[in-house]
């Protein structure tokens, strides 16, 4: 009995082939992926234009001013908690 030794591809290649074969054989899945892509494009592309304006860019001129503002906003709630408790832990 002759035993043929065939090399199996490494795990990364096997995983890649597994997913590529799965995506090729999809029928309904392709249209679902298109819908998901369109929804992500709308959420991150279009909504950003209307709801997430550049607050730091319009209110501050230098990076130092922006950094100081962000630091003060991040530590504001911590400082308020410390002052209301009287410094007790």
Protein backbone atom coordinates (compact mmCIF):
# COMPACT_ATOMS: atom_id res chain seq x y z
CA UNK A 1 0.00 0.00 0.00
CA UNK A 2 1.52 3.26 -1.11
CA UNK A 3 0.77 6.21 1.06
CA UNK A 4 0.71 9.49 -0.74
CA UNK A 5 1.62 12.47 1.33
CA UNK A 6 -0.21 15.55 0.25
CA UNK A 7 0.59 18.75 2.00
CA UNK A 8 -2.39 20.55 3.36
CA UNK A 9 -2.31 24.32 3.09
CA UNK A 10 -1.61 26.25 6.23
CA UNK A 11 -4.58 27.21 8.47
CA UNK A 12 -4.77 30.79 7.16
CA UNK A 13 -5.14 29.57 3.57
CA UNK A 14 -7.76 27.00 4.61
CA UNK A 15 -9.79 29.65 6.44
CA UNK A 16 -9.53 32.02 3.47
CA UNK A 17 -10.68 29.31 1.04
CA UNK A 18 -13.53 28.32 3.36
CA UNK A 19 -14.95 31.84 3.42
CA UNK A 20 -14.34 32.53 -0.26
CA UNK A 21 -16.14 29.34 -1.26
CA UNK A 22 -18.99 30.25 1.05
CA UNK A 23 -19.34 33.74 -0.41
CA UNK A 24 -19.21 32.42 -3.97
CA UNK A 25 -22.02 29.94 -3.36
CA UNK A 26 -24.31 32.43 -1.62
CA UNK A 27 -27.55 33.40 -3.29
CA UNK A 28 -29.63 35.31 -0.75
CA UNK A 29 -26.55 36.27 1.24
CA UNK A 30 -25.16 38.46 -1.51
CA UNK A 31 -28.21 40.69 -1.51
CA UNK A 32 -28.16 40.80 2.29
CA UNK A 33 -24.51 41.91 2.27
CA UNK A 34 -25.44 44.64 -0.22
CA UNK A 35 -28.19 45.84 2.11
CA UNK A 36 -25.80 45.82 5.07
CA UNK A 37 -23.22 47.82 3.09
CA UNK A 38 -25.81 50.38 2.01
CA UNK A 39 -27.05 50.78 5.59
CA UNK A 40 -23.50 51.29 6.88
CA UNK A 41 -22.83 53.82 4.16
CA UNK A 42 -25.94 55.74 5.14
CA UNK A 43 -25.22 55.54 8.86
CA UNK A 44 -21.59 56.59 8.74
CA UNK A 45 -21.51 58.69 5.60
CA UNK A 46 -24.74 60.60 5.32
CA UNK A 47 -25.72 60.96 8.98
CA UNK A 48 -22.27 62.27 9.87
CA UNK A 49 -22.82 65.23 7.58
CA UNK A 50 -26.06 66.23 9.32
CA UNK A 51 -25.60 65.34 12.98
CA UNK A 52 -21.90 65.31 13.81
CA UNK A 53 -20.50 68.72 13.01
CA UNK A 54 -16.90 69.66 13.75
CA UNK A 55 -17.38 71.26 17.18
CA UNK A 56 -13.71 71.37 18.15
CA UNK A 57 -12.62 72.70 14.78
CA UNK A 58 -15.12 75.56 14.82
CA UNK A 59 -14.72 76.62 18.47
CA UNK A 60 -10.95 76.32 18.95
CA UNK A 61 -8.03 77.35 16.78
CA UNK A 62 -5.10 75.32 18.13
CA UNK A 63 -4.61 71.71 19.11
CA UNK A 64 -3.61 72.78 22.62
CA UNK A 65 -6.95 74.52 23.15
CA UNK A 66 -8.80 71.47 21.84
CA UNK A 67 -6.84 69.13 24.10
CA UNK A 68 -7.48 71.33 27.15
CA UNK A 69 -11.21 71.43 26.42
CA UNK A 70 -11.45 67.64 25.98
CA UNK A 71 -9.46 67.04 29.19
CA UNK A 72 -11.66 69.42 31.16
CA UNK A 73 -14.83 67.75 29.81
CA UNK A 74 -13.56 64.25 30.62
CA UNK A 75 -12.52 65.13 34.17
CA UNK A 76 -15.45 67.44 34.95
CA UNK A 77 -17.72 64.68 36.33
CA UNK A 78 -14.91 63.27 38.45
CA UNK A 79 -14.11 66.68 39.91
CA UNK A 80 -17.81 67.29 40.64
CA UNK A 81 -18.11 63.98 42.49
CA UNK A 82 -15.04 64.72 44.59
CA UNK A 83 -16.26 68.21 45.55
CA UNK A 84 -19.78 67.01 46.50
CA UNK A 85 -18.47 64.21 48.73
CA UNK A 86 -16.05 66.47 50.49
CA UNK A 87 -13.04 64.50 49.38
CA UNK A 88 -14.11 61.30 51.17
CA UNK A 89 -13.32 57.99 49.57
